[in-house]
Protein backbone atom coordinates (compact mmCIF):
# COMPACT_ATOMS: atom_id res chain seq x y z
CA MET A 1 164.45 -54.52 65.55
CA THR A 2 160.76 -53.71 65.26
CA GLY A 3 159.29 -50.29 64.55
CA THR A 4 161.22 -47.06 64.83
CA ASN A 5 162.49 -45.03 67.74
CA LYS A 6 161.01 -41.54 67.27
CA ASN A 7 159.18 -41.47 63.96
CA ALA A 8 155.54 -41.86 64.99
CA ASP A 9 154.34 -41.82 61.37
CA GLU A 10 155.85 -45.24 60.64
CA LYS A 11 154.49 -46.86 63.85
CA ASP A 12 155.60 -50.43 64.63
CA GLU A 13 154.85 -52.08 61.31
CA LYS A 14 158.42 -52.84 60.26
CA VAL A 15 161.04 -55.47 61.04
CA ILE A 16 164.59 -54.23 60.51
CA ILE A 17 167.63 -56.50 60.55
CA TRP A 18 170.80 -54.59 61.41
CA ASP A 19 174.27 -55.70 60.36
CA ASP A 20 176.52 -54.37 63.10
CA ALA A 21 179.72 -55.09 61.13
CA LYS A 22 178.50 -52.97 58.22
CA GLN A 23 176.68 -50.49 60.47
CA LEU A 24 173.57 -50.49 58.32
CA ALA A 25 170.13 -52.07 57.96
CA VAL A 26 170.41 -54.97 55.52
CA VAL A 27 166.79 -56.16 55.59
CA THR A 28 163.51 -54.32 56.06
CA LEU A 29 160.16 -56.13 56.13
CA GLU A 30 156.95 -54.09 56.10
CA PHE A 31 153.53 -55.22 57.33
CA HIS A 32 150.00 -53.78 57.39
CA SER A 33 149.61 -54.06 61.17
CA GLN A 34 151.74 -53.81 64.29
CA VAL A 35 154.56 -56.33 64.58
CA LEU A 36 154.19 -58.08 67.93
CA ARG A 37 157.22 -60.36 67.77
CA ALA A 38 160.06 -61.25 65.41
CA LEU A 39 162.31 -64.31 65.78
CA LEU A 40 165.51 -64.99 63.91
CA SER A 41 167.66 -68.03 63.15
CA ARG A 42 170.51 -68.57 60.72
CA SER A 43 168.09 -69.58 57.97
CA GLN A 44 164.59 -68.29 58.87
CA ILE A 45 162.73 -65.21 60.04
CA LEU A 46 159.38 -65.59 61.83
CA VAL A 47 157.14 -62.55 62.34
CA ALA A 48 153.89 -62.44 64.32
CA VAL A 49 151.14 -59.84 64.01
CA LEU A 50 147.72 -59.91 65.66
CA ASN A 51 146.02 -62.49 63.42
CA SER A 52 148.80 -64.16 61.47
CA VAL A 53 152.43 -65.26 61.38
CA SER A 54 154.77 -65.12 58.39
CA LEU A 55 157.80 -67.31 57.78
CA TYR A 56 160.66 -66.04 55.60
CA ALA A 57 163.86 -67.55 54.31
CA PHE A 58 166.78 -65.53 55.65
CA SER A 59 168.18 -64.46 52.28
CA SER A 60 168.86 -61.22 50.48
CA PRO A 61 166.19 -60.18 49.82
CA PRO A 62 164.15 -62.37 52.24
CA LYS A 63 161.76 -64.77 50.51
CA ARG A 64 158.40 -65.37 52.15
CA ILE A 65 157.87 -69.11 52.55
CA SER A 66 154.32 -68.96 53.84
CA SER A 67 151.80 -67.12 56.02
CA TYR A 68 149.38 -68.68 58.48
CA GLU A 69 146.21 -67.30 60.05
CA THR A 70 145.89 -67.40 63.84
CA ALA A 71 143.35 -66.52 66.49
CA ASP A 72 143.85 -63.12 68.13
CA ASN A 73 147.42 -63.22 69.38
CA PRO A 74 148.05 -59.93 71.23
CA SER A 75 151.21 -61.30 72.90
CA GLY A 76 152.75 -62.32 69.57
CA LEU A 77 153.23 -65.91 70.72
CA CYS A 78 155.39 -67.99 68.37
CA CYS A 79 158.38 -70.34 68.51
CA LEU A 80 161.10 -70.90 65.91
CA GLY A 81 163.12 -74.09 65.88
CA SER A 82 165.60 -75.53 63.43
CA LYS A 83 163.00 -77.86 61.87
CA ILE A 84 159.60 -76.60 63.08
CA VAL A 85 157.70 -73.46 63.99
CA ALA A 86 154.85 -73.27 66.50
CA PHE A 87 152.19 -70.60 67.01
CA PRO A 88 148.51 -70.30 68.01
CA GLY A 89 145.90 -71.96 65.81
CA ARG A 90 142.81 -70.40 64.28
CA THR A 91 140.75 -71.49 67.30
CA PRO A 92 141.65 -70.04 70.73
CA GLY A 93 143.60 -72.58 72.78
CA GLN A 94 144.93 -74.49 69.79
CA VAL A 95 148.56 -74.68 68.62
CA GLN A 96 149.77 -75.07 65.05
CA ILE A 97 153.07 -76.86 64.41
CA VAL A 98 154.55 -76.51 60.93
CA GLU A 99 157.46 -78.54 59.57
CA ILE A 100 159.72 -76.03 57.81
CA GLY A 101 161.06 -78.52 55.29
CA THR A 102 157.75 -80.01 54.14
CA GLY A 103 155.17 -77.42 55.15
CA ASN A 104 153.08 -80.09 56.92
CA VAL A 105 150.76 -78.58 59.53
CA SER A 106 149.66 -80.31 62.75
CA ILE A 107 147.03 -78.98 65.15
CA ILE A 108 147.24 -79.50 68.93
CA PRO A 109 144.09 -78.79 71.02
CA ALA A 110 146.23 -77.60 73.91
CA HIS A 111 143.77 -75.67 76.11
CA GLY A 112 140.12 -74.71 76.40
CA SER A 113 140.94 -71.00 76.75
CA PRO A 114 143.26 -68.68 74.77
CA LEU A 115 147.00 -69.22 75.02
CA ARG A 116 149.05 -67.01 77.31
CA ALA A 117 152.56 -68.45 76.88
CA MET A 118 154.41 -71.10 74.91
CA CYS A 119 157.99 -72.33 74.66
CA LEU A 120 159.85 -74.76 72.41
CA SER A 121 162.73 -76.80 73.80
CA PRO A 122 166.22 -76.21 72.34
CA ASN A 123 166.20 -79.65 70.69
CA GLY A 124 162.74 -79.00 69.22
CA GLU A 125 161.23 -82.15 70.72
CA ILE A 126 159.07 -80.60 73.46
CA LEU A 127 156.52 -77.78 73.45
CA ALA A 128 155.26 -76.21 76.70
CA THR A 129 152.04 -74.18 76.73
CA ALA A 130 149.95 -72.25 79.26
CA SER A 131 146.53 -70.66 78.87
CA GLU A 132 144.96 -67.50 80.27
CA THR A 133 143.77 -69.54 83.27
CA GLY A 134 147.39 -70.07 84.33
CA THR A 135 146.91 -73.04 86.64
CA LEU A 136 148.36 -75.75 84.37
CA VAL A 137 151.32 -76.02 82.01
CA ARG A 138 150.93 -78.74 79.40
CA ILE A 139 153.84 -80.51 77.73
CA PHE A 140 153.57 -81.93 74.20
CA SER A 141 155.82 -83.99 71.96
CA THR A 142 156.34 -82.18 68.66
CA THR A 143 156.95 -85.42 66.76
CA ASN A 144 153.45 -86.88 67.26
CA CYS A 145 151.66 -83.94 68.98
CA ALA A 146 150.81 -86.16 71.97
CA ARG A 147 150.47 -84.64 75.43
CA ILE A 148 153.16 -86.23 77.56
CA SER A 149 152.70 -84.34 80.82
CA GLU A 150 150.60 -81.84 82.72
CA LEU A 151 152.24 -79.69 85.39
CA ARG A 152 150.33 -77.75 88.02
CA ARG A 153 151.55 -74.26 88.85
CA GLY A 154 148.81 -73.73 91.44
CA VAL A 155 145.08 -73.80 92.13
CA ASP A 156 144.23 -70.10 91.77
CA PRO A 157 144.18 -68.51 88.28
CA ALA A 158 147.32 -66.56 87.41
CA HIS A 159 148.81 -64.54 84.57
CA ILE A 160 151.76 -66.56 83.26
CA PHE A 161 154.61 -64.20 82.42
CA SER A 162 157.16 -66.53 80.91
CA LEU A 163 158.07 -70.15 80.15
CA ALA A 164 161.67 -71.26 79.54
CA ILE A 165 163.21 -74.70 78.97
CA CYS A 166 166.85 -75.27 79.91
CA PRO A 167 169.49 -76.15 77.26
CA SER A 168 169.30 -79.92 77.94
CA SER A 169 165.46 -79.82 77.77
CA SER A 170 165.21 -81.41 81.21
CA LEU A 171 163.84 -78.50 83.30
CA LEU A 172 161.11 -75.91 82.84
CA ALA A 173 161.02 -72.49 84.51
CA VAL A 174 157.68 -70.67 84.95
CA THR A 175 156.97 -67.17 86.25
CA SER A 176 153.59 -65.58 86.96
CA ASP A 177 151.91 -62.62 88.63
CA LYS A 178 151.87 -64.65 91.85
CA ALA A 179 155.45 -63.34 92.27
CA THR A 180 156.88 -66.87 92.20
CA LEU A 181 159.36 -68.71 90.01
CA HIS A 182 158.62 -72.45 89.68
CA ILE A 183 161.02 -75.12 88.41
CA PHE A 184 159.61 -78.39 87.04
CA ASP A 185 161.20 -81.62 85.89
CA LEU A 186 160.33 -82.32 82.26
CA PRO A 187 159.56 -85.71 80.72
CA HIS A 188 161.41 -86.63 77.56
CA ALA A 189 160.01 -87.21 74.12
CA SER A 190 162.64 -89.85 73.27
CA PRO A 191 164.66 -92.41 75.32
CA SER A 192 167.96 -90.99 74.04
CA SER A 193 167.07 -87.54 75.37
CA ALA A 194 166.09 -89.01 78.73
CA SER A 195 169.38 -90.92 79.03
CA SER A 196 171.60 -87.96 78.14
CA SER A 197 169.69 -85.58 80.43
CA SER A 198 169.81 -88.03 83.34
CA ASN A 199 173.56 -88.48 82.89
CA ALA A 200 174.09 -84.71 82.78
CA ARG A 201 172.06 -84.21 85.95
CA ASN A 202 173.92 -86.95 87.81
CA GLN A 203 177.25 -85.49 86.74
CA HIS A 204 176.20 -82.05 87.93
CA LEU A 205 175.08 -83.35 91.33
CA ALA A 206 178.33 -85.30 91.73
CA ALA A 207 180.40 -82.25 90.80
CA ALA A 208 178.44 -80.04 93.19
CA ALA A 209 178.91 -82.52 96.03
CA ALA A 210 182.64 -82.77 95.34
CA ALA A 211 182.93 -78.98 95.28
CA ARG A 212 181.18 -78.71 98.65
CA HIS A 213 183.46 -81.28 100.26
CA SER A 214 186.63 -79.77 98.84
CA SER A 215 185.76 -76.17 99.77
CA ARG A 216 184.50 -76.81 103.28
CA SER A 217 186.23 -78.17 106.36
CA SER A 218 185.02 -81.35 108.04
CA SER A 219 183.55 -79.55 111.05
CA PRO A 220 180.30 -80.84 112.67
CA SER A 221 178.33 -77.91 111.28
CA THR A 222 179.60 -78.63 107.78
CA ALA A 223 178.63 -82.28 108.06
CA ILE A 224 175.10 -81.34 109.11
CA SER A 225 174.80 -78.91 106.22
CA SER A 226 176.02 -81.48 103.71
CA SER A 227 173.71 -84.14 105.09
CA SER A 228 170.74 -81.81 104.88
CA SER A 229 171.59 -80.90 101.29
CA ASN A 230 171.94 -84.55 100.31
CA ASN A 231 168.56 -85.35 101.86
CA LYS A 232 166.94 -82.57 99.85
CA ASN A 233 168.44 -83.94 96.64
CA SER A 234 167.37 -87.51 97.39
CA ASN A 235 163.80 -86.42 98.12
CA SER A 236 163.40 -84.00 95.20
CA GLU A 237 161.29 -86.47 93.23
CA ASN A 238 158.91 -87.01 96.15
CA ASN A 239 158.41 -83.27 96.56
CA THR A 240 156.70 -83.07 93.17
CA GLN A 241 153.79 -85.03 94.69
CA LYS A 242 152.55 -82.28 96.98
CA TYR A 243 149.96 -84.33 98.85
CA GLY A 244 151.99 -87.49 99.42
CA LEU A 245 149.84 -90.57 100.04
CA LEU A 246 146.65 -88.66 99.21
CA SER A 247 147.83 -88.52 95.60
CA ARG A 248 147.37 -92.32 95.39
CA LEU A 249 143.82 -92.43 96.68
CA PRO A 250 141.07 -92.85 94.07
CA LEU A 251 138.08 -90.50 93.61
CA LEU A 252 139.88 -87.44 94.96
CA PRO A 253 140.08 -84.27 92.83
CA ARG A 254 142.86 -84.31 90.26
CA LEU A 255 144.85 -81.54 91.98
CA PHE A 256 145.83 -84.09 94.67
CA SER A 257 147.64 -86.28 92.11
CA ASP A 258 148.98 -83.57 89.80
CA THR A 259 152.71 -82.94 89.42
CA TYR A 260 153.94 -79.78 91.14
CA SER A 261 157.25 -77.94 90.91
CA PHE A 262 160.19 -79.41 92.84
CA ALA A 263 161.62 -75.95 93.54
CA SER A 264 160.28 -72.40 93.76
CA ALA A 265 161.50 -68.94 94.71
CA PRO A 266 159.89 -65.51 95.18
CA ILE A 267 160.51 -62.87 92.52
CA ALA A 268 160.05 -59.11 92.74
CA ILE A 269 157.21 -57.69 90.66
CA ASP A 270 156.56 -53.97 90.35
CA ASP A 271 152.85 -53.40 89.74
CA ASP A 272 153.12 -49.62 89.60
CA PRO A 273 153.41 -48.59 85.91
CA HIS A 274 154.68 -45.11 86.94
CA SER A 275 157.56 -46.22 89.16
CA THR A 276 161.23 -46.19 88.20
CA LEU A 277 164.29 -48.06 89.39
CA SER A 278 165.07 -45.23 91.81
CA GLY A 279 161.62 -45.51 93.38
CA THR A 280 160.43 -42.12 92.21
CA ALA A 281 157.22 -41.70 90.26
CA LYS A 282 156.83 -40.06 86.87
CA PRO A 283 154.50 -40.50 83.88
CA ALA A 284 155.19 -43.72 82.01
CA VAL A 285 156.77 -43.29 78.57
CA PRO A 286 155.67 -45.94 76.03
CA ILE A 287 158.54 -48.08 74.76
CA PRO A 288 158.63 -48.32 70.93
CA GLY A 289 158.36 -51.82 69.49
CA ILE A 290 156.75 -53.37 72.57
CA PRO A 291 153.00 -54.20 72.57
CA GLY A 292 151.29 -51.79 74.96
CA GLY A 293 154.49 -49.78 75.33
CA LYS A 294 155.46 -51.53 78.58
CA ALA A 295 158.39 -53.85 79.20
CA ARG A 296 157.44 -57.52 79.70
CA LYS A 297 157.42 -58.64 83.32
CA GLY A 298 158.88 -61.79 84.75
CA VAL A 299 160.89 -62.83 81.69
CA VAL A 300 163.00 -65.84 82.65
CA GLY A 301 165.93 -67.48 80.86
CA TRP A 302 168.63 -70.10 81.45
CA LEU A 303 172.36 -69.38 81.55
CA ASP A 304 173.06 -73.11 81.59
CA ASP A 305 171.28 -76.29 82.71
CA TRP A 306 171.46 -75.29 86.39
CA THR A 307 171.30 -71.48 86.43
């Protein structure tokens, strides 16, 4: 937990770790500025404030491993993996990757404008980043910091709300203020990851097809539906090239050959800060522990590899 609930004197400059079994706070970390984000694993605690991040060993009491300066980071962007941590660099648009075991620091010049969102894959091999421009999502390998892909969300600038990589690290979900959820195929940092992810996807498609055939009758309408679904699956890779043959022609702008999402869906976005779930209007009450006092919009997550 960050901050307090009603005590305005303490503001949001604390991180409190609550032990629900003991019904008490077992760890309290205090900072000199507002805590923007706190991440927790079984062995580390990562805390982001406006111009720095601090890494702690999850012990009693917590031991600070190191602190790192960052560019202005009002969204508290940071990622905590089992072996690495990632957060903005000292220069806007850059990413710092730190190996927890050795303390080695690598710098990735990810974007030419400040970062808006970033996400680390569950296996720690892939890092996805987006800038304030919001047209491109760039994919990097964390082992050698090389850019392995560039995905185009759209042509018009957008505010990226959230990035999320599925458990198998094969798909990326992106939401933005364009009220759209995009799903992209992800490249793989290692051949072993690519093989396991491909096998998992093939197994899922086979299971889904078997479930459709077993649950539906063999009527003409069912056959048409199944055929249509199979065609969509077989052409999913081609759909990522939005402009078809134009993407192969030289000298055209890059957006014609960029990789686009293979699936998208509209999402509801409430732009009225005074509205409630019931549709009535009342003055907005700031939420303690959240930068700006407003709940984050468009946060996306994966229940499994396909949901």
